[in-house]
């Protein structure tokens, strides 16, 4: 959670706004889950790709779908965190840059900077909440995947 919020400090950088970092987080967590699954269940864990009560004919359709969804879990984890962190922080930087240009201008529009300052403070509070929520969502999804490891279909 701290890494999501570091970018809100002046002259700092949000490391979770990089796709490689969030991908490494999700792949590390997901790999640990798979190692745990094979230690607990052995090859029986591969049976989770074939839902129980499914006919063999329908299995030929469902098994590839289950395998594709299995490999997209870490991708969705990483992209969700990356996109939310990058979009919010980019919006804050754009508005802060526009605010700085308005303050430094000598035109009548320099009075509008007060409105933008209020908007920037509101967005900063919103981005703080989003950073906390994204950390919680990441952990909840990991816990859901962990539940799938312990409780096979």
C-alpha atoms as a PDB file:
ATOM      1  CA  UNK A   1       0.000   0.000   0.000  1.00  0.00           C
ATOM      2  CA  UNK A   2       2.850   2.353   0.756  1.00  0.00           C
ATOM      3  CA  UNK A   3       4.208   2.053  -2.774  1.00  0.00           C
ATOM      4  CA  UNK A   4       0.842   3.201  -4.164  1.00  0.00           C
ATOM      5  CA  UNK A   5       0.936   6.334  -2.029  1.00  0.00           C
ATOM      6  CA  UNK A   6       4.578   7.405  -2.408  1.00  0.00           C
ATOM      7  CA  UNK A   7       3.821   9.144  -5.687  1.00  0.00           C
ATOM      8  CA  UNK A   8       1.527  11.567  -3.907  1.00  0.00           C
ATOM      9  CA  UNK A   9       4.491  13.120  -2.112  1.00  0.00           C
ATOM     10  CA  UNK A  10       6.176  16.019  -3.906  1.00  0.00           C
ATOM     11  CA  UNK A  11       9.221  15.035  -5.997  1.00  0.00           C
ATOM     12  CA  UNK A  12       8.594  11.338  -5.506  1.00  0.00           C
ATOM     13  CA  UNK A  13       7.727   8.474  -7.803  1.00  0.00           C
ATOM     14  CA  UNK A  14       5.048   5.783  -7.723  1.00  0.00           C
ATOM     15  CA  UNK A  15       6.762   2.482  -8.412  1.00  0.00           C
ATOM     16  CA  UNK A  16       3.424   0.690  -8.927  1.00  0.00           C
ATOM     17  CA  UNK A  17       2.757   2.923 -11.925  1.00  0.00           C
ATOM     18  CA  UNK A  18       5.188   0.722 -13.879  1.00  0.00           C
ATOM     19  CA  UNK A  19       3.762  -2.399 -15.517  1.00  0.00           C
ATOM     20  CA  UNK A  20       6.939  -4.416 -14.933  1.00  0.00           C
ATOM     21  CA  UNK A  21       6.724  -3.901 -11.172  1.00  0.00           C
ATOM     22  CA  UNK A  22       3.076  -4.885 -10.902  1.00  0.00           C
ATOM     23  CA  UNK A  23       3.684  -7.848 -13.214  1.00  0.00           C
ATOM     24  CA  UNK A  24       6.519  -9.065 -10.990  1.00  0.00           C
ATOM     25  CA  UNK A  25       4.312  -8.687  -7.897  1.00  0.00           C
ATOM     26  CA  UNK A  26       1.495 -10.673  -9.434  1.00  0.00           C
ATOM     27  CA  UNK A  27       3.751 -13.350 -10.943  1.00  0.00           C
ATOM     28  CA  UNK A  28       5.549 -13.818  -7.634  1.00  0.00           C
ATOM     29  CA  UNK A  29       2.301 -14.193  -5.724  1.00  0.00           C
ATOM     30  CA  UNK A  30       0.770 -16.433  -8.374  1.00  0.00           C
ATOM     31  CA  UNK A  31       3.864 -18.648  -8.586  1.00  0.00           C
ATOM     32  CA  UNK A  32       3.849 -19.054  -4.825  1.00  0.00           C
ATOM     33  CA  UNK A  33       0.204 -20.069  -4.979  1.00  0.00           C
ATOM     34  CA  UNK A  34       0.906 -22.694  -7.642  1.00  0.00           C
ATOM     35  CA  UNK A  35       3.846 -24.137  -5.700  1.00  0.00           C
ATOM     36  CA  UNK A  36       1.623 -24.358  -2.630  1.00  0.00           C
ATOM     37  CA  UNK A  37      -1.128 -26.025  -4.662  1.00  0.00           C
ATOM     38  CA  UNK A  38       1.187 -28.712  -5.998  1.00  0.00           C
ATOM     39  CA  UNK A  39       2.645 -29.325  -2.540  1.00  0.00           C
ATOM     40  CA  UNK A  40      -0.831 -29.738  -1.064  1.00  0.00           C
ATOM     41  CA  UNK A  41      -2.606 -31.657  -3.829  1.00  0.00           C
ATOM     42  CA  UNK A  42       0.048 -32.955  -6.229  1.00  0.00           C
ATOM     43  CA  UNK A  43      -1.213 -33.776  -9.709  1.00  0.00           C
ATOM     44  CA  UNK A  44      -4.765 -33.837  -8.381  1.00  0.00           C
ATOM     45  CA  UNK A  45      -4.586 -30.033  -8.624  1.00  0.00           C
ATOM     46  CA  UNK A  46      -4.662 -30.288 -12.428  1.00  0.00           C
ATOM     47  CA  UNK A  47      -8.174 -31.705 -12.072  1.00  0.00           C
ATOM     48  CA  UNK A  48      -9.366 -28.190 -11.263  1.00  0.00           C
ATOM     49  CA  UNK A  49      -9.179 -27.445 -14.986  1.00  0.00           C
ATOM     50  CA  UNK A  50     -11.906 -30.030 -15.595  1.00  0.00           C
ATOM     51  CA  UNK A  51     -15.015 -28.966 -13.629  1.00  0.00           C
ATOM     52  CA  UNK A  52     -16.730 -31.794 -11.776  1.00  0.00           C
ATOM     53  CA  UNK A  53     -19.942 -33.127 -13.263  1.00  0.00           C
ATOM     54  CA  UNK A  54     -18.928 -32.123 -16.782  1.00  0.00           C
ATOM     55  CA  UNK A  55     -19.318 -34.536 -19.667  1.00  0.00           C
ATOM     56  CA  UNK A  56     -16.239 -35.504 -21.637  1.00  0.00           C
ATOM     57  CA  UNK A  57     -17.527 -33.785 -24.796  1.00  0.00           C
ATOM     58  CA  UNK A  58     -18.115 -30.519 -22.947  1.00  0.00           C
ATOM     59  CA  UNK A  59     -14.722 -30.948 -21.269  1.00  0.00           C
ATOM     60  CA  UNK A  60     -12.978 -30.451 -24.618  1.00  0.00           C
ATOM     61  CA  UNK A  61     -14.493 -26.957 -24.672  1.00  0.00           C
ATOM     62  CA  UNK A  62     -14.167 -26.094 -20.990  1.00  0.00           C
ATOM     63  CA  UNK A  63     -10.580 -27.222 -20.338  1.00  0.00           C
ATOM     64  CA  UNK A  64      -9.020 -24.745 -22.834  1.00  0.00           C
ATOM     65  CA  UNK A  65     -11.213 -21.965 -21.446  1.00  0.00           C
ATOM     66  CA  UNK A  66     -10.131 -22.824 -17.888  1.00  0.00           C
ATOM     67  CA  UNK A  67      -6.459 -22.895 -18.922  1.00  0.00           C
ATOM     68  CA  UNK A  68      -6.749 -19.491 -20.632  1.00  0.00           C
ATOM     69  CA  UNK A  69      -8.487 -17.978 -17.609  1.00  0.00           C
ATOM     70  CA  UNK A  70      -5.800 -19.508 -15.381  1.00  0.00           C
ATOM     71  CA  UNK A  71      -3.015 -17.723 -17.263  1.00  0.00           C
ATOM     72  CA  UNK A  72      -4.904 -14.424 -17.365  1.00  0.00           C
ATOM     73  CA  UNK A  73      -5.240 -14.190 -13.578  1.00  0.00           C
ATOM     74  CA  UNK A  74      -1.759 -12.715 -12.966  1.00  0.00           C
ATOM     75  CA  UNK A  75      -2.109 -10.506 -16.046  1.00  0.00           C
ATOM     76  CA  UNK A  76      -5.371  -9.050 -14.784  1.00  0.00           C
ATOM     77  CA  UNK A  77      -3.863  -8.507 -11.328  1.00  0.00           C
ATOM     78  CA  UNK A  78      -0.922  -6.562 -12.707  1.00  0.00           C
ATOM     79  CA  UNK A  79      -2.808  -4.515 -15.293  1.00  0.00           C
ATOM     80  CA  UNK A  80      -5.527  -3.523 -12.811  1.00  0.00           C
ATOM     81  CA  UNK A  81      -3.042  -2.114 -10.309  1.00  0.00           C
ATOM     82  CA  UNK A  82      -0.822  -0.507 -12.949  1.00  0.00           C
ATOM     83  CA  UNK A  83      -3.631   1.201 -14.859  1.00  0.00           C
ATOM     84  CA  UNK A  84      -5.298   2.658 -11.793  1.00  0.00           C
ATOM     85  CA  UNK A  85      -2.067   3.987 -10.330  1.00  0.00           C
ATOM     86  CA  UNK A  86      -0.761   5.433 -13.584  1.00  0.00           C
ATOM     87  CA  UNK A  87      -4.031   7.088 -14.611  1.00  0.00           C
ATOM     88  CA  UNK A  88      -4.604   8.809 -11.290  1.00  0.00           C
ATOM     89  CA  UNK A  89      -1.050  10.027 -10.902  1.00  0.00           C
ATOM     90  CA  UNK A  90      -0.896  11.223 -14.507  1.00  0.00           C
ATOM     91  CA  UNK A  91      -4.099  13.216 -13.999  1.00  0.00           C
ATOM     92  CA  UNK A  92      -2.659  14.828 -10.881  1.00  0.00           C
ATOM     93  CA  UNK A  93       0.547  15.779 -12.686  1.00  0.00           C
ATOM     94  CA  UNK A  94      -1.302  17.277 -15.634  1.00  0.00           C
ATOM     95  CA  UNK A  95      -3.556  19.390 -13.429  1.00  0.00           C
ATOM     96  CA  UNK A  96      -0.632  20.448 -11.222  1.00  0.00           C
ATOM     97  CA  UNK A  97       1.339  21.512 -14.314  1.00  0.00           C
ATOM     98  CA  UNK A  98      -1.627  23.456 -15.647  1.00  0.00           C
ATOM     99  CA  UNK A  99      -2.071  25.082 -12.234  1.00  0.00           C
ATOM    100  CA  UNK A 100       1.604  26.089 -12.177  1.00  0.00           C
ATOM    101  CA  UNK A 101       1.303  27.679 -15.609  1.00  0.00           C
ATOM    102  CA  UNK A 102      -1.795  29.618 -14.529  1.00  0.00           C
ATOM    103  CA  UNK A 103      -0.097  30.917 -11.394  1.00  0.00           C
ATOM    104  CA  UNK A 104       2.916  32.095 -13.407  1.00  0.00           C
ATOM    105  CA  UNK A 105       0.847  33.785 -16.104  1.00  0.00           C
ATOM    106  CA  UNK A 106       0.177  37.477 -15.874  1.00  0.00           C
ATOM    107  CA  UNK A 107      -3.226  37.325 -17.497  1.00  0.00           C
ATOM    108  CA  UNK A 108      -6.664  37.523 -15.987  1.00  0.00           C
ATOM    109  CA  UNK A 109      -6.800  33.711 -15.991  1.00  0.00           C
ATOM    110  CA  UNK A 110      -4.317  33.592 -13.129  1.00  0.00           C
ATOM    111  CA  UNK A 111      -7.279  34.146 -10.786  1.00  0.00           C
ATOM    112  CA  UNK A 112      -8.699  30.764 -11.915  1.00  0.00           C
ATOM    113  CA  UNK A 113      -5.858  28.984 -10.164  1.00  0.00           C
ATOM    114  CA  UNK A 114      -7.810  28.964  -6.902  1.00  0.00           C
ATOM    115  CA  UNK A 115     -10.524  26.824  -8.477  1.00  0.00           C
ATOM    116  CA  UNK A 116      -7.921  24.461  -9.878  1.00  0.00           C
ATOM    117  CA  UNK A 117      -6.174  24.309  -6.519  1.00  0.00           C
ATOM    118  CA  UNK A 118      -9.394  23.158  -4.859  1.00  0.00           C
ATOM    119  CA  UNK A 119      -9.878  20.556  -7.609  1.00  0.00           C
ATOM    120  CA  UNK A 120      -6.282  19.399  -7.170  1.00  0.00           C
ATOM    121  CA  UNK A 121      -6.728  18.932  -3.415  1.00  0.00           C
ATOM    122  CA  UNK A 122      -9.942  16.960  -3.982  1.00  0.00           C
ATOM    123  CA  UNK A 123      -8.199  14.775  -6.579  1.00  0.00           C
ATOM    124  CA  UNK A 124      -5.288  14.247  -4.205  1.00  0.00           C
ATOM    125  CA  UNK A 125      -7.689  12.964  -1.554  1.00  0.00           C
ATOM    126  CA  UNK A 126      -9.411  10.790  -4.146  1.00  0.00           C
ATOM    127  CA  UNK A 127      -6.097   9.369  -5.343  1.00  0.00           C
ATOM    128  CA  UNK A 128      -5.157   8.541  -1.751  1.00  0.00           C
ATOM    129  CA  UNK A 129      -8.364   6.557  -1.372  1.00  0.00           C
ATOM    130  CA  UNK A 130      -7.813   4.851  -4.750  1.00  0.00           C
ATOM    131  CA  UNK A 131      -4.280   3.837  -3.736  1.00  0.00           C
ATOM    132  CA  UNK A 132      -5.559   2.240  -0.542  1.00  0.00           C
ATOM    133  CA  UNK A 133      -8.451   0.532  -2.322  1.00  0.00           C
ATOM    134  CA  UNK A 134      -6.179  -0.870  -5.034  1.00  0.00           C
ATOM    135  CA  UNK A 135      -3.856  -2.373  -2.429  1.00  0.00           C
ATOM    136  CA  UNK A 136      -6.837  -3.974  -0.692  1.00  0.00           C
ATOM    137  CA  UNK A 137      -8.259  -5.271  -4.003  1.00  0.00           C
ATOM    138  CA  UNK A 138      -4.881  -6.795  -4.897  1.00  0.00           C
ATOM    139  CA  UNK A 139      -4.721  -8.579  -1.544  1.00  0.00           C
ATOM    140  CA  UNK A 140      -8.352  -9.731  -1.690  1.00  0.00           C
ATOM    141  CA  UNK A 141      -7.833 -11.244  -5.141  1.00  0.00           C
ATOM    142  CA  UNK A 142      -4.708 -13.036  -3.942  1.00  0.00           C
ATOM    143  CA  UNK A 143      -6.738 -14.385  -1.002  1.00  0.00           C
ATOM    144  CA  UNK A 144      -9.474 -15.573  -3.380  1.00  0.00           C
ATOM    145  CA  UNK A 145      -6.862 -17.374  -5.465  1.00  0.00           C
ATOM    146  CA  UNK A 146      -5.418 -18.831  -2.264  1.00  0.00           C
ATOM    147  CA  UNK A 147      -8.871 -20.124  -1.315  1.00  0.00           C
ATOM    148  CA  UNK A 148      -9.054 -21.835  -4.716  1.00  0.00           C
ATOM    149  CA  UNK A 149      -5.731 -23.530  -3.945  1.00  0.00           C
ATOM    150  CA  UNK A 150      -6.887 -24.887  -0.587  1.00  0.00           C
ATOM    151  CA  UNK A 151     -10.428 -25.768  -1.648  1.00  0.00           C
ATOM    152  CA  UNK A 152     -10.386 -27.498  -5.007  1.00  0.00           C
ATOM    153  CA  UNK A 153     -13.616 -27.496  -7.046  1.00  0.00           C
END
